[in-house]
């Protein structure tokens, strides 16, 4: 009895890897084993940096809130403490946007919790 190797599934697996590696440089987009290794590395970086992006944005928002708050004589930590005590339900993303683009609204928030 002849050996069955299921070429359809094997080809589909290879095509999937090579399609995902499109745009990679040189053999990384042409040779299956090299492409597989490059893709593993790329997927690892993608997973890691999806988490890192959240941290980077949070740091940016904190810097913007701190800069905006210090214009009115309050530090970031004191402002956040007073906001929590006053039960103001604004997250850092919104506060940073207000500090950057709507200074009068941000000033009103700072004054209300002072």
PDB file of N, CA and C in Angstrom:
ATOM      1  N   UNK A   1       0.851  -1.191   0.000  1.00  0.00           N
ATOM      2  CA  UNK A   1       0.000   0.000   0.000  1.00  0.00           C
ATOM      3  C   UNK A   1       0.890   1.246   0.000  1.00  0.00           C
ATOM      4  N   UNK A   2       0.613   2.228  -0.871  1.00  0.00           N
ATOM      5  CA  UNK A   2       1.459   3.431  -0.934  1.00  0.00           C
ATOM      6  C   UNK A   2       1.319   4.287   0.326  1.00  0.00           C
ATOM      7  N   UNK A   3       2.400   5.013   0.614  1.00  0.00           N
ATOM      8  CA  UNK A   3       2.430   5.872   1.803  1.00  0.00           C
ATOM      9  C   UNK A   3       1.642   7.149   1.521  1.00  0.00           C
ATOM     10  N   UNK A   4       0.827   7.540   2.452  1.00  0.00           N
ATOM     11  CA  UNK A   4       0.045   8.771   2.306  1.00  0.00           C
ATOM     12  C   UNK A   4       0.703   9.865   3.138  1.00  0.00           C
ATOM     13  N   UNK A   5       0.982  10.990   2.499  1.00  0.00           N
ATOM     14  CA  UNK A   5       1.692  12.062   3.206  1.00  0.00           C
ATOM     15  C   UNK A   5       0.866  13.336   3.366  1.00  0.00           C
ATOM     16  N   UNK A   6      -0.326  13.369   2.805  1.00  0.00           N
ATOM     17  CA  UNK A   6      -1.216  14.525   2.911  1.00  0.00           C
ATOM     18  C   UNK A   6      -0.532  15.809   2.447  1.00  0.00           C
ATOM     19  N   UNK A   7      -0.191  15.842   1.174  1.00  0.00           N
ATOM     20  CA  UNK A   7       0.513  16.989   0.594  1.00  0.00           C
ATOM     21  C   UNK A   7      -0.305  18.274   0.681  1.00  0.00           C
ATOM     22  N   UNK A   8      -1.609  18.145   0.671  1.00  0.00           N
ATOM     23  CA  UNK A   8      -2.464  19.334   0.709  1.00  0.00           C
ATOM     24  C   UNK A   8      -2.238  20.113   2.011  1.00  0.00           C
ATOM     25  N   UNK A   9      -2.239  19.407   3.135  1.00  0.00           N
ATOM     26  CA  UNK A   9      -2.058  20.065   4.423  1.00  0.00           C
ATOM     27  C   UNK A   9      -0.635  20.600   4.571  1.00  0.00           C
ATOM     28  N   UNK A  10       0.355  19.836   4.079  1.00  0.00           N
ATOM     29  CA  UNK A  10       1.759  20.274   4.171  1.00  0.00           C
ATOM     30  C   UNK A  10       1.964  21.561   3.385  1.00  0.00           C
ATOM     31  N   UNK A  11       1.430  21.595   2.165  1.00  0.00           N
ATOM     32  CA  UNK A  11       1.577  22.789   1.327  1.00  0.00           C
ATOM     33  C   UNK A  11       0.868  23.976   1.964  1.00  0.00           C
ATOM     34  N   UNK A  12      -0.300  23.724   2.540  1.00  0.00           N
ATOM     35  CA  UNK A  12      -1.052  24.813   3.179  1.00  0.00           C
ATOM     36  C   UNK A  12      -0.268  25.391   4.351  1.00  0.00           C
ATOM     37  N   UNK A  13       0.380  24.505   5.127  1.00  0.00           N
ATOM     38  CA  UNK A  13       1.186  24.974   6.260  1.00  0.00           C
ATOM     39  C   UNK A  13       2.338  25.839   5.780  1.00  0.00           C
ATOM     40  N   UNK A  14       3.022  25.373   4.724  1.00  0.00           N
ATOM     41  CA  UNK A  14       4.161  26.137   4.200  1.00  0.00           C
ATOM     42  C   UNK A  14       3.716  27.475   3.637  1.00  0.00           C
ATOM     43  N   UNK A  15       2.600  27.457   2.899  1.00  0.00           N
ATOM     44  CA  UNK A  15       2.089  28.703   2.315  1.00  0.00           C
ATOM     45  C   UNK A  15       1.707  29.702   3.401  1.00  0.00           C
ATOM     46  N   UNK A  16       1.136  29.182   4.492  1.00  0.00           N
ATOM     47  CA  UNK A  16       0.728  30.056   5.595  1.00  0.00           C
ATOM     48  C   UNK A  16       1.938  30.775   6.188  1.00  0.00           C
ATOM     49  N   UNK A  17       3.026  30.023   6.385  1.00  0.00           N
ATOM     50  CA  UNK A  17       4.245  30.616   6.954  1.00  0.00           C
ATOM     51  C   UNK A  17       4.834  31.624   5.985  1.00  0.00           C
ATOM     52  N   UNK A  18       4.966  31.251   4.701  1.00  0.00           N
ATOM     53  CA  UNK A  18       5.578  32.153   3.723  1.00  0.00           C
ATOM     54  C   UNK A  18       4.721  33.387   3.476  1.00  0.00           C
ATOM     55  N   UNK A  19       3.413  33.241   3.550  1.00  0.00           N
ATOM     56  CA  UNK A  19       2.542  34.405   3.386  1.00  0.00           C
ATOM     57  C   UNK A  19       2.708  35.377   4.545  1.00  0.00           C
ATOM     58  N   UNK A  20       2.831  34.829   5.760  1.00  0.00           N
ATOM     59  CA  UNK A  20       3.014  35.686   6.936  1.00  0.00           C
ATOM     60  C   UNK A  20       4.370  36.379   6.908  1.00  0.00           C
ATOM     61  N   UNK A  21       5.353  35.774   6.223  1.00  0.00           N
ATOM     62  CA  UNK A  21       6.711  36.337   6.176  1.00  0.00           C
ATOM     63  C   UNK A  21       6.907  37.276   4.991  1.00  0.00           C
ATOM     64  N   UNK A  22       5.862  37.570   4.251  1.00  0.00           N
ATOM     65  CA  UNK A  22       6.000  38.490   3.125  1.00  0.00           C
ATOM     66  C   UNK A  22       6.502  39.843   3.611  1.00  0.00           C
ATOM     67  N   UNK A  23       7.411  40.433   2.867  1.00  0.00           N
ATOM     68  CA  UNK A  23       7.963  41.720   3.243  1.00  0.00           C
ATOM     69  C   UNK A  23       9.233  41.604   4.047  1.00  0.00           C
ATOM     70  N   UNK A  24       9.559  40.403   4.519  1.00  0.00           N
ATOM     71  CA  UNK A  24      10.832  40.199   5.211  1.00  0.00           C
ATOM     72  C   UNK A  24      11.949  40.251   4.179  1.00  0.00           C
ATOM     73  N   UNK A  25      13.175  40.520   4.608  1.00  0.00           N
ATOM     74  CA  UNK A  25      14.311  40.721   3.711  1.00  0.00           C
ATOM     75  C   UNK A  25      14.959  39.399   3.321  1.00  0.00           C
ATOM     76  N   UNK A  26      15.252  39.251   2.040  1.00  0.00           N
ATOM     77  CA  UNK A  26      16.049  38.128   1.544  1.00  0.00           C
ATOM     78  C   UNK A  26      15.423  36.770   1.802  1.00  0.00           C
ATOM     79  N   UNK A  27      16.250  35.839   2.293  1.00  0.00           N
ATOM     80  CA  UNK A  27      15.811  34.463   2.503  1.00  0.00           C
ATOM     81  C   UNK A  27      14.721  34.367   3.559  1.00  0.00           C
ATOM     82  N   UNK A  28      14.606  35.379   4.404  1.00  0.00           N
ATOM     83  CA  UNK A  28      13.593  35.359   5.457  1.00  0.00           C
ATOM     84  C   UNK A  28      12.171  35.328   4.887  1.00  0.00           C
ATOM     85  N   UNK A  29      12.012  35.718   3.639  1.00  0.00           N
ATOM     86  CA  UNK A  29      10.686  35.659   3.034  1.00  0.00           C
ATOM     87  C   UNK A  29      10.576  34.574   1.965  1.00  0.00           C
ATOM     88  N   UNK A  30      11.677  33.846   1.703  1.00  0.00           N
ATOM     89  CA  UNK A  30      11.679  32.865   0.615  1.00  0.00           C
ATOM     90  C   UNK A  30      11.883  31.425   1.082  1.00  0.00           C
ATOM     91  N   UNK A  31      12.794  31.212   2.030  1.00  0.00           N
ATOM     92  CA  UNK A  31      13.154  29.862   2.470  1.00  0.00           C
ATOM     93  C   UNK A  31      12.324  29.510   3.701  1.00  0.00           C
ATOM     94  N   UNK A  32      11.682  28.346   3.636  1.00  0.00           N
ATOM     95  CA  UNK A  32      10.713  27.999   4.673  1.00  0.00           C
ATOM     96  C   UNK A  32      11.318  27.983   6.075  1.00  0.00           C
ATOM     97  N   UNK A  33      12.448  27.305   6.271  1.00  0.00           N
ATOM     98  CA  UNK A  33      12.992  27.185   7.626  1.00  0.00           C
ATOM     99  C   UNK A  33      13.452  28.541   8.158  1.00  0.00           C
ATOM    100  N   UNK A  34      14.057  29.347   7.296  1.00  0.00           N
ATOM    101  CA  UNK A  34      14.497  30.686   7.708  1.00  0.00           C
ATOM    102  C   UNK A  34      13.283  31.562   8.006  1.00  0.00           C
ATOM    103  N   UNK A  35      12.269  31.463   7.153  1.00  0.00           N
ATOM    104  CA  UNK A  35      11.047  32.252   7.348  1.00  0.00           C
ATOM    105  C   UNK A  35      10.351  31.865   8.649  1.00  0.00           C
ATOM    106  N   UNK A  36      10.349  30.561   8.959  1.00  0.00           N
ATOM    107  CA  UNK A  36       9.701  30.093  10.181  1.00  0.00           C
ATOM    108  C   UNK A  36      10.387  30.678  11.416  1.00  0.00           C
ATOM    109  N   UNK A  37      11.735  30.668  11.402  1.00  0.00           N
ATOM    110  CA  UNK A  37      12.495  31.230  12.518  1.00  0.00           C
ATOM    111  C   UNK A  37      12.261  32.735  12.638  1.00  0.00           C
ATOM    112  N   UNK A  38      12.288  33.427  11.504  1.00  0.00           N
ATOM    113  CA  UNK A  38      12.072  34.875  11.510  1.00  0.00           C
ATOM    114  C   UNK A  38      10.672  35.210  12.009  1.00  0.00           C
ATOM    115  N   UNK A  39       9.706  34.389  11.615  1.00  0.00           N
ATOM    116  CA  UNK A  39       8.323  34.622  12.021  1.00  0.00           C
ATOM    117  C   UNK A  39       8.138  34.385  13.513  1.00  0.00           C
ATOM    118  N   UNK A  40       8.796  33.342  14.049  1.00  0.00           N
ATOM    119  CA  UNK A  40       8.738  33.102  15.492  1.00  0.00           C
ATOM    120  C   UNK A  40       9.265  34.309  16.256  1.00  0.00           C
ATOM    121  N   UNK A  41      10.400  34.831  15.793  1.00  0.00           N
ATOM    122  CA  UNK A  41      11.011  35.997  16.437  1.00  0.00           C
ATOM    123  C   UNK A  41      10.071  37.202  16.347  1.00  0.00           C
ATOM    124  N   UNK A  42       9.511  37.417  15.158  1.00  0.00           N
ATOM    125  CA  UNK A  42       8.630  38.567  14.939  1.00  0.00           C
ATOM    126  C   UNK A  42       7.383  38.486  15.801  1.00  0.00           C
ATOM    127  N   UNK A  43       6.810  37.291  15.913  1.00  0.00           N
ATOM    128  CA  UNK A  43       5.608  37.128  16.725  1.00  0.00           C
ATOM    129  C   UNK A  43       5.908  37.351  18.206  1.00  0.00           C
ATOM    130  N   UNK A  44       7.097  36.943  18.621  1.00  0.00           N
ATOM    131  CA  UNK A  44       7.505  37.202  20.005  1.00  0.00           C
ATOM    132  C   UNK A  44       7.613  38.684  20.289  1.00  0.00           C
ATOM    133  N   UNK A  45       8.231  39.413  19.345  1.00  0.00           N
ATOM    134  CA  UNK A  45       8.343  40.866  19.497  1.00  0.00           C
ATOM    135  C   UNK A  45       6.966  41.519  19.497  1.00  0.00           C
ATOM    136  N   UNK A  46       6.081  41.045  18.621  1.00  0.00           N
ATOM    137  CA  UNK A  46       4.744  41.632  18.525  1.00  0.00           C
ATOM    138  C   UNK A  46       3.986  41.447  19.835  1.00  0.00           C
ATOM    139  N   UNK A  47       4.079  40.241  20.414  1.00  0.00           N
ATOM    140  CA  UNK A  47       3.393  39.974  21.677  1.00  0.00           C
ATOM    141  C   UNK A  47       3.951  40.854  22.784  1.00  0.00           C
ATOM    142  N   UNK A  48       5.290  40.909  22.872  1.00  0.00           N
ATOM    143  CA  UNK A  48       5.941  41.706  23.919  1.00  0.00           C
ATOM    144  C   UNK A  48       5.567  43.179  23.790  1.00  0.00           C
ATOM    145  N   UNK A  49       5.580  43.684  22.551  1.00  0.00           N
ATOM    146  CA  UNK A  49       5.398  45.117  22.366  1.00  0.00           C
ATOM    147  C   UNK A  49       3.944  45.562  22.431  1.00  0.00           C
ATOM    148  N   UNK A  50       3.004  44.620  22.311  1.00  0.00           N
ATOM    149  CA  UNK A  50       1.611  44.999  22.588  1.00  0.00           C
ATOM    150  C   UNK A  50       1.457  45.364  24.052  1.00  0.00           C
ATOM    151  N   UNK A  51       2.195  44.688  24.926  1.00  0.00           N
ATOM    152  CA  UNK A  51       2.172  45.016  26.352  1.00  0.00           C
ATOM    153  C   UNK A  51       2.950  46.306  26.614  1.00  0.00           C
ATOM    154  N   UNK A  52       4.116  46.441  25.951  1.00  0.00           N
ATOM    155  CA  UNK A  52       4.976  47.605  26.168  1.00  0.00           C
ATOM    156  C   UNK A  52       4.287  48.892  25.710  1.00  0.00           C
ATOM    157  N   UNK A  53       3.456  48.790  24.670  1.00  0.00           N
ATOM    158  CA  UNK A  53       2.767  49.974  24.160  1.00  0.00           C
ATOM    159  C   UNK A  53       1.836  50.560  25.216  1.00  0.00           C
ATOM    160  N   UNK A  54       1.167  49.686  25.962  1.00  0.00           N
ATOM    161  CA  UNK A  54       0.271  50.156  27.019  1.00  0.00           C
ATOM    162  C   UNK A  54       1.048  50.901  28.098  1.00  0.00           C
ATOM    163  N   UNK A  55       2.237  50.366  28.440  1.00  0.00           N
ATOM    164  CA  UNK A  55       3.076  51.035  29.448  1.00  0.00           C
ATOM    165  C   UNK A  55       3.582  52.379  28.934  1.00  0.00           C
ATOM    166  N   UNK A  56       3.969  52.410  27.656  1.00  0.00           N
ATOM    167  CA  UNK A  56       4.511  53.644  27.071  1.00  0.00           C
ATOM    168  C   UNK A  56       3.453  54.742  27.052  1.00  0.00           C
ATOM    169  N   UNK A  57       2.224  54.381  26.682  1.00  0.00           N
ATOM    170  CA  UNK A  57       1.156  55.380  26.664  1.00  0.00           C
ATOM    171  C   UNK A  57       0.840  55.879  28.060  1.00  0.00           C
ATOM    172  N   UNK A  58       0.818  54.979  29.028  1.00  0.00           N
ATOM    173  CA  UNK A  58       0.549  55.402  30.406  1.00  0.00           C
ATOM    174  C   UNK A  58       1.604  56.388  30.875  1.00  0.00           C
ATOM    175  N   UNK A  59       2.898  56.118  30.567  1.00  0.00           N
ATOM    176  CA  UNK A  59       3.966  57.047  30.955  1.00  0.00           C
ATOM    177  C   UNK A  59       3.796  58.405  30.280  1.00  0.00           C
ATOM    178  N   UNK A  60       3.388  58.400  29.007  1.00  0.00           N
ATOM    179  CA  UNK A  60       3.152  59.646  28.282  1.00  0.00           C
ATOM    180  C   UNK A  60       2.019  60.440  28.925  1.00  0.00           C
ATOM    181  N   UNK A  61       0.907  59.738  29.247  1.00  0.00           N
ATOM    182  CA  UNK A  61      -0.224  60.426  29.871  1.00  0.00           C
ATOM    183  C   UNK A  61       0.167  61.024  31.214  1.00  0.00           C
ATOM    184  N   UNK A  62       0.939  60.282  32.007  1.00  0.00           N
ATOM    185  CA  UNK A  62       1.355  60.787  33.322  1.00  0.00           C
ATOM    186  C   UNK A  62       2.224  62.026  33.169  1.00  0.00           C
ATOM    187  N   UNK A  63       3.133  62.012  32.194  1.00  0.00           N
ATOM    188  CA  UNK A  63       3.998  63.176  31.962  1.00  0.00           C
ATOM    189  C   UNK A  63       3.172  64.399  31.568  1.00  0.00           C
ATOM    190  N   UNK A  64       2.164  64.198  30.731  1.00  0.00           N
ATOM    191  CA  UNK A  64       1.322  65.315  30.291  1.00  0.00           C
ATOM    192  C   UNK A  64       0.468  65.859  31.435  1.00  0.00           C
ATOM    193  N   UNK A  65      -0.081  64.961  32.242  1.00  0.00           N
ATOM    194  CA  UNK A  65      -0.891  65.400  33.382  1.00  0.00           C
ATOM    195  C   UNK A  65      -0.016  66.160  34.367  1.00  0.00           C
ATOM    196  N   UNK A  66       1.179  65.647  34.623  1.00  0.00           N
ATOM    197  CA  UNK A  66       2.101  66.295  35.555  1.00  0.00           C
ATOM    198  C   UNK A  66       2.465  67.698  35.070  1.00  0.00           C
ATOM    199  N   UNK A  67       2.775  67.820  33.774  1.00  0.00           N
ATOM    200  CA  UNK A  67       3.124  69.133  33.216  1.00  0.00           C
ATOM    201  C   UNK A  67       1.947  70.098  33.337  1.00  0.00           C
ATOM    202  N   UNK A  68       0.743  69.602  33.040  1.00  0.00           N
ATOM    203  CA  UNK A  68      -0.434  70.457  33.139  1.00  0.00           C
ATOM    204  C   UNK A  68      -0.741  70.849  34.573  1.00  0.00           C
ATOM    205  N   UNK A  69      -0.591  69.921  35.500  1.00  0.00           N
ATOM    206  CA  UNK A  69      -0.912  70.193  36.901  1.00  0.00           C
ATOM    207  C   UNK A  69       0.071  71.174  37.516  1.00  0.00           C
ATOM    208  N   UNK A  70       1.345  71.042  37.155  1.00  0.00           N
ATOM    209  CA  UNK A  70       2.365  71.921  37.739  1.00  0.00           C
ATOM    210  C   UNK A  70       2.190  73.375  37.314  1.00  0.00           C
ATOM    211  N   UNK A  71       1.495  73.619  36.213  1.00  0.00           N
ATOM    212  CA  UNK A  71       1.186  75.001  35.820  1.00  0.00           C
ATOM    213  C   UNK A  71       0.273  75.668  36.848  1.00  0.00           C
ATOM    214  N   UNK A  72      -0.487  74.848  37.558  1.00  0.00           N
ATOM    215  CA  UNK A  72      -1.410  75.379  38.560  1.00  0.00           C
ATOM    216  C   UNK A  72      -0.943  75.078  39.978  1.00  0.00           C
ATOM    217  N   UNK A  73       0.340  74.764  40.132  1.00  0.00           N
ATOM    218  CA  UNK A  73       0.939  74.611  41.447  1.00  0.00           C
ATOM    219  C   UNK A  73       0.617  73.320  42.169  1.00  0.00           C
ATOM    220  N   UNK A  74       0.303  72.265  41.435  1.00  0.00           N
ATOM    221  CA  UNK A  74      -0.004  70.966  42.037  1.00  0.00           C
ATOM    222  C   UNK A  74       0.875  69.922  41.364  1.00  0.00           C
ATOM    223  N   UNK A  75       1.389  68.982  42.145  1.00  0.00           N
ATOM    224  CA  UNK A  75       2.153  67.895  41.544  1.00  0.00           C
ATOM    225  C   UNK A  75       1.191  66.815  41.060  1.00  0.00           C
ATOM    226  N   UNK A  76       1.707  65.934  40.220  1.00  0.00           N
ATOM    227  CA  UNK A  76       0.884  64.843  39.674  1.00  0.00           C
ATOM    228  C   UNK A  76       0.308  63.971  40.788  1.00  0.00           C
ATOM    229  N   UNK A  77       1.170  63.592  41.728  1.00  0.00           N
ATOM    230  CA  UNK A  77       0.712  62.658  42.763  1.00  0.00           C
ATOM    231  C   UNK A  77      -0.362  63.290  43.644  1.00  0.00           C
ATOM    232  N   UNK A  78      -0.197  64.554  43.985  1.00  0.00           N
ATOM    233  CA  UNK A  78      -1.221  65.226  44.797  1.00  0.00           C
ATOM    234  C   UNK A  78      -2.533  65.368  44.029  1.00  0.00           C
ATOM    235  N   UNK A  79      -2.416  65.707  42.746  1.00  0.00           N
ATOM    236  CA  UNK A  79      -3.623  65.839  41.925  1.00  0.00           C
ATOM    237  C   UNK A  79      -4.380  64.513  41.865  1.00  0.00           C
ATOM    238  N   UNK A  80      -3.664  63.424  41.608  1.00  0.00           N
ATOM    239  CA  UNK A  80      -4.316  62.122  41.512  1.00  0.00           C
ATOM    240  C   UNK A  80      -4.919  61.705  42.855  1.00  0.00           C
ATOM    241  N   UNK A  81      -4.223  62.040  43.936  1.00  0.00           N
ATOM    242  CA  UNK A  81      -4.752  61.733  45.273  1.00  0.00           C
ATOM    243  C   UNK A  81      -6.060  62.474  45.514  1.00  0.00           C
ATOM    244  N   UNK A  82      -6.080  63.769  45.191  1.00  0.00           N
ATOM    245  CA  UNK A  82      -7.292  64.570  45.401  1.00  0.00           C
ATOM    246  C   UNK A  82      -8.420  64.125  44.471  1.00  0.00           C
ATOM    247  N   UNK A  83      -8.073  63.723  43.254  1.00  0.00           N
ATOM    248  CA  UNK A  83      -9.100  63.221  42.333  1.00  0.00           C
ATOM    249  C   UNK A  83      -9.735  61.941  42.881  1.00  0.00           C
ATOM    250  N   UNK A  84      -8.901  61.054  43.419  1.00  0.00           N
ATOM    251  CA  UNK A  84      -9.426  59.802  43.976  1.00  0.00           C
ATOM    252  C   UNK A  84     -10.285  60.076  45.202  1.00  0.00           C
ATOM    253  N   UNK A  85      -9.818  61.024  46.051  1.00  0.00           N
ATOM    254  CA  UNK A  85     -10.572  61.372  47.258  1.00  0.00           C
ATOM    255  C   UNK A  85     -11.914  62.003  46.900  1.00  0.00           C
ATOM    256  N   UNK A  86     -11.925  62.825  45.842  1.00  0.00           N
ATOM    257  CA  UNK A  86     -13.152  63.501  45.415  1.00  0.00           C
ATOM    258  C   UNK A  86     -14.043  62.616  44.567  1.00  0.00           C
ATOM    259  N   UNK A  87     -13.592  61.385  44.313  1.00  0.00           N
ATOM    260  CA  UNK A  87     -14.342  60.413  43.519  1.00  0.00           C
ATOM    261  C   UNK A  87     -14.624  60.924  42.106  1.00  0.00           C
ATOM    262  N   UNK A  88     -13.601  61.558  41.488  1.00  0.00           N
ATOM    263  CA  UNK A  88     -13.707  61.990  40.096  1.00  0.00           C
ATOM    264  C   UNK A  88     -13.304  60.805  39.225  1.00  0.00           C
ATOM    265  N   UNK A  89     -14.210  60.353  38.346  1.00  0.00           N
ATOM    266  CA  UNK A  89     -13.999  59.150  37.551  1.00  0.00           C
ATOM    267  C   UNK A  89     -13.424  59.478  36.169  1.00  0.00           C
ATOM    268  N   UNK A  90     -12.279  60.152  36.140  1.00  0.00           N
ATOM    269  CA  UNK A  90     -11.604  60.432  34.876  1.00  0.00           C
ATOM    270  C   UNK A  90     -10.302  59.653  34.836  1.00  0.00           C
ATOM    271  N   UNK A  91     -10.074  58.916  33.745  1.00  0.00           N
ATOM    272  CA  UNK A  91      -8.836  58.145  33.651  1.00  0.00           C
ATOM    273  C   UNK A  91      -7.695  59.028  33.128  1.00  0.00           C
ATOM    274  N   UNK A  92      -6.500  58.482  33.140  1.00  0.00           N
ATOM    275  CA  UNK A  92      -5.309  59.248  32.768  1.00  0.00           C
ATOM    276  C   UNK A  92      -5.340  59.672  31.309  1.00  0.00           C
ATOM    277  N   UNK A  93      -5.914  58.845  30.448  1.00  0.00           N
ATOM    278  CA  UNK A  93      -5.984  59.181  29.030  1.00  0.00           C
ATOM    279  C   UNK A  93      -6.811  60.456  28.819  1.00  0.00           C
ATOM    280  N   UNK A  94      -7.949  60.520  29.481  1.00  0.00           N
ATOM    281  CA  UNK A  94      -8.835  61.688  29.346  1.00  0.00           C
ATOM    282  C   UNK A  94      -8.190  62.914  29.981  1.00  0.00           C
ATOM    283  N   UNK A  95      -7.603  62.734  31.167  1.00  0.00           N
ATOM    284  CA  UNK A  95      -6.952  63.860  31.834  1.00  0.00           C
ATOM    285  C   UNK A  95      -5.804  64.412  30.992  1.00  0.00           C
ATOM    286  N   UNK A  96      -5.021  63.528  30.375  1.00  0.00           N
ATOM    287  CA  UNK A  96      -3.909  63.975  29.535  1.00  0.00           C
ATOM    288  C   UNK A  96      -4.417  64.740  28.325  1.00  0.00           C
ATOM    289  N   UNK A  97      -5.516  64.283  27.733  1.00  0.00           N
ATOM    290  CA  UNK A  97      -6.090  64.986  26.588  1.00  0.00           C
ATOM    291  C   UNK A  97      -6.593  66.359  27.002  1.00  0.00           C
ATOM    292  N   UNK A  98      -7.230  66.427  28.164  1.00  0.00           N
ATOM    293  CA  UNK A  98      -7.699  67.733  28.658  1.00  0.00           C
ATOM    294  C   UNK A  98      -6.525  68.674  28.922  1.00  0.00           C
ATOM    295  N   UNK A  99      -5.463  68.146  29.531  1.00  0.00           N
ATOM    296  CA  UNK A  99      -4.296  68.978  29.843  1.00  0.00           C
ATOM    297  C   UNK A  99      -3.646  69.512  28.578  1.00  0.00           C
ATOM    298  N   UNK A 100      -3.654  68.700  27.525  1.00  0.00           N
ATOM    299  CA  UNK A 100      -2.974  69.085  26.290  1.00  0.00           C
ATOM    300  C   UNK A 100      -3.831  69.978  25.405  1.00  0.00           C
ATOM    301  N   UNK A 101      -5.113  69.621  25.247  1.00  0.00           N
ATOM    302  CA  UNK A 101      -5.950  70.294  24.246  1.00  0.00           C
ATOM    303  C   UNK A 101      -7.029  71.214  24.817  1.00  0.00           C
ATOM    304  N   UNK A 102      -7.369  71.053  26.095  1.00  0.00           N
ATOM    305  CA  UNK A 102      -8.451  71.852  26.688  1.00  0.00           C
ATOM    306  C   UNK A 102      -7.986  72.366  28.046  1.00  0.00           C
ATOM    307  N   UNK A 103      -7.097  73.341  28.031  1.00  0.00           N
ATOM    308  CA  UNK A 103      -6.463  73.827  29.251  1.00  0.00           C
ATOM    309  C   UNK A 103      -7.479  74.396  30.239  1.00  0.00           C
ATOM    310  N   UNK A 104      -8.502  75.073  29.723  1.00  0.00           N
ATOM    311  CA  UNK A 104      -9.497  75.666  30.629  1.00  0.00           C
ATOM    312  C   UNK A 104     -10.291  74.591  31.374  1.00  0.00           C
ATOM    313  N   UNK A 105     -10.648  73.517  30.700  1.00  0.00           N
ATOM    314  CA  UNK A 105     -11.373  72.415  31.349  1.00  0.00           C
ATOM    315  C   UNK A 105     -10.471  71.725  32.373  1.00  0.00           C
ATOM    316  N   UNK A 106      -9.201  71.552  32.017  1.00  0.00           N
ATOM    317  CA  UNK A 106      -8.260  70.921  32.953  1.00  0.00           C
ATOM    318  C   UNK A 106      -8.061  71.800  34.189  1.00  0.00           C
ATOM    319  N   UNK A 107      -8.004  73.104  33.966  1.00  0.00           N
ATOM    320  CA  UNK A 107      -7.843  74.041  35.092  1.00  0.00           C
ATOM    321  C   UNK A 107      -9.053  73.950  36.022  1.00  0.00           C
ATOM    322  N   UNK A 108     -10.238  73.833  35.433  1.00  0.00           N
ATOM    323  CA  UNK A 108     -11.457  73.725  36.249  1.00  0.00           C
ATOM    324  C   UNK A 108     -11.430  72.451  37.102  1.00  0.00           C
ATOM    325  N   UNK A 109     -10.930  71.368  36.531  1.00  0.00           N
ATOM    326  CA  UNK A 109     -10.826  70.121  37.293  1.00  0.00           C
ATOM    327  C   UNK A 109      -9.839  70.268  38.435  1.00  0.00           C
ATOM    328  N   UNK A 110      -8.687  70.877  38.137  1.00  0.00           N
ATOM    329  CA  UNK A 110      -7.665  71.066  39.191  1.00  0.00           C
ATOM    330  C   UNK A 110      -8.214  71.941  40.307  1.00  0.00           C
ATOM    331  N   UNK A 111      -8.883  73.006  39.958  1.00  0.00           N
ATOM    332  CA  UNK A 111      -9.434  73.922  40.953  1.00  0.00           C
ATOM    333  C   UNK A 111     -10.546  73.251  41.769  1.00  0.00           C
ATOM    334  N   UNK A 112     -11.334  72.389  41.138  1.00  0.00           N
ATOM    335  CA  UNK A 112     -12.449  71.767  41.851  1.00  0.00           C
ATOM    336  C   UNK A 112     -11.986  70.782  42.910  1.00  0.00           C
ATOM    337  N   UNK A 113     -10.831  70.135  42.699  1.00  0.00           N
ATOM    338  CA  UNK A 113     -10.375  69.135  43.672  1.00  0.00           C
ATOM    339  C   UNK A 113      -9.349  69.695  44.633  1.00  0.00           C
ATOM    340  N   UNK A 114      -8.929  70.907  44.438  1.00  0.00           N
ATOM    341  CA  UNK A 114      -7.882  71.494  45.291  1.00  0.00           C
ATOM    342  C   UNK A 114      -8.344  71.687  46.716  1.00  0.00           C
TER     343      UNK A 114
END
